[in-house]
Amino acid sequence: MTQKKNPHKVIHRKLGKERAYGLAHTEDNLMELDERLTGYRYMLYALHEHFHLKHPKWSETKVRQECSKTARFMWNLGFRKVDIK
């Protein structure tokens, strides 16, 4: 099975100055995630920014609702981020 390439470019960096855990740049199909996020919060914010990029016309409320439901569903199924180096 061939692996699909990530549809968005993802940058990990500290976002303290921006007072955010994630940022979406729709014009560049780019998301930035705070490098300090781990576990469930990483999944939640990655999904949040993904939904902003995938559905730019959705309201912030809609994005929050959908990413929360999706993250909880995936987490309950046992999905976790594993760093392999």
Protein backbone atom coordinates (compact mmCIF):
# COMPACT_ATOMS: atom_id res chain seq x y z
CA MET A 1 0.00 0.00 0.00
CA THR A 2 1.45 3.37 -0.95
CA GLN A 3 1.54 6.07 1.66
CA LYS A 4 -0.12 9.39 0.83
CA LYS A 5 1.92 12.51 1.33
CA ASN A 6 0.78 14.87 4.07
CA PRO A 7 -1.60 17.33 2.35
CA HIS A 8 -0.35 20.25 4.45
CA LYS A 9 3.07 21.53 5.27
CA VAL A 10 3.56 21.42 9.04
CA ILE A 11 6.04 23.52 10.98
CA HIS A 12 6.76 22.84 14.65
CA ARG A 13 8.02 25.82 16.67
CA LYS A 14 7.31 27.64 19.91
CA LEU A 15 4.26 29.89 19.45
CA GLY A 16 4.41 31.75 22.77
CA LYS A 17 4.65 35.20 21.16
CA GLU A 18 1.56 34.43 19.08
CA ARG A 19 -0.34 33.27 22.18
CA ALA A 20 -1.52 30.21 20.26
CA TYR A 21 -0.98 26.46 20.16
CA GLY A 22 -1.49 26.35 16.42
CA LEU A 23 -1.86 28.59 13.40
CA ALA A 24 -3.26 27.91 9.93
CA HIS A 25 -2.15 29.78 6.83
CA THR A 26 -4.71 28.85 4.18
CA GLU A 27 -2.99 30.73 1.37
CA ASP A 28 0.14 28.57 1.83
CA ASN A 29 -1.61 25.33 2.89
CA LEU A 30 0.61 25.55 5.98
CA MET A 31 0.00 24.88 9.64
CA GLU A 32 2.22 25.75 12.56
CA LEU A 33 2.00 23.75 15.78
CA ASP A 34 3.66 24.56 19.06
CA GLU A 35 6.54 22.14 19.47
CA ARG A 36 5.74 21.68 23.17
CA LEU A 37 2.37 20.02 22.50
CA THR A 38 2.17 16.34 23.34
CA GLY A 39 -0.40 13.57 23.51
CA TYR A 40 -4.07 14.41 23.23
CA ARG A 41 -3.47 18.17 22.97
CA TYR A 42 -1.16 17.63 19.98
CA MET A 43 -3.87 15.62 18.24
CA LEU A 44 -6.54 18.18 19.11
CA TYR A 45 -4.61 21.18 17.77
CA ALA A 46 -3.34 19.33 14.68
CA LEU A 47 -6.94 18.47 13.81
CA HIS A 48 -8.05 22.02 14.61
CA GLU A 49 -5.59 23.55 12.16
CA HIS A 50 -6.29 20.81 9.61
CA PHE A 51 -10.01 21.69 9.67
CA HIS A 52 -9.17 25.39 9.21
CA LEU A 53 -7.16 24.50 6.10
CA LYS A 54 -9.63 21.95 4.76
CA HIS A 55 -12.78 24.02 5.45
CA PRO A 56 -11.78 27.72 5.40
CA LYS A 57 -15.42 28.88 5.43
CA TRP A 58 -16.28 27.08 8.68
CA SER A 59 -16.74 29.28 11.74
CA GLU A 60 -14.35 28.95 14.68
CA THR A 61 -17.19 27.33 16.66
CA LYS A 62 -17.73 24.70 13.96
CA VAL A 63 -13.98 23.97 13.78
CA ARG A 64 -13.79 23.57 17.57
CA GLN A 65 -16.78 21.24 17.67
CA GLU A 66 -15.59 19.02 14.84
CA CYS A 67 -11.97 18.77 15.97
CA SER A 68 -13.04 18.02 19.53
CA LYS A 69 -15.38 15.22 18.43
CA THR A 70 -12.81 13.78 16.03
CA ALA A 71 -9.90 13.94 18.50
CA ARG A 72 -11.95 12.29 21.24
CA PHE A 73 -13.07 9.54 18.83
CA MET A 74 -9.51 8.86 17.62
CA TRP A 75 -8.05 8.98 21.15
CA ASN A 76 -10.67 6.53 22.44
CA LEU A 77 -9.74 4.16 19.60
CA GLY A 78 -6.17 4.22 20.90
CA PHE A 79 -4.45 6.45 18.37
CA ARG A 80 -1.26 8.01 19.74
CA LYS A 81 1.66 9.93 18.27
CA VAL A 82 4.90 7.99 18.45
CA ASP A 83 8.25 9.57 17.65
CA ILE A 84 10.56 7.11 15.91
CA LYS A 85 14.10 8.38 15.58
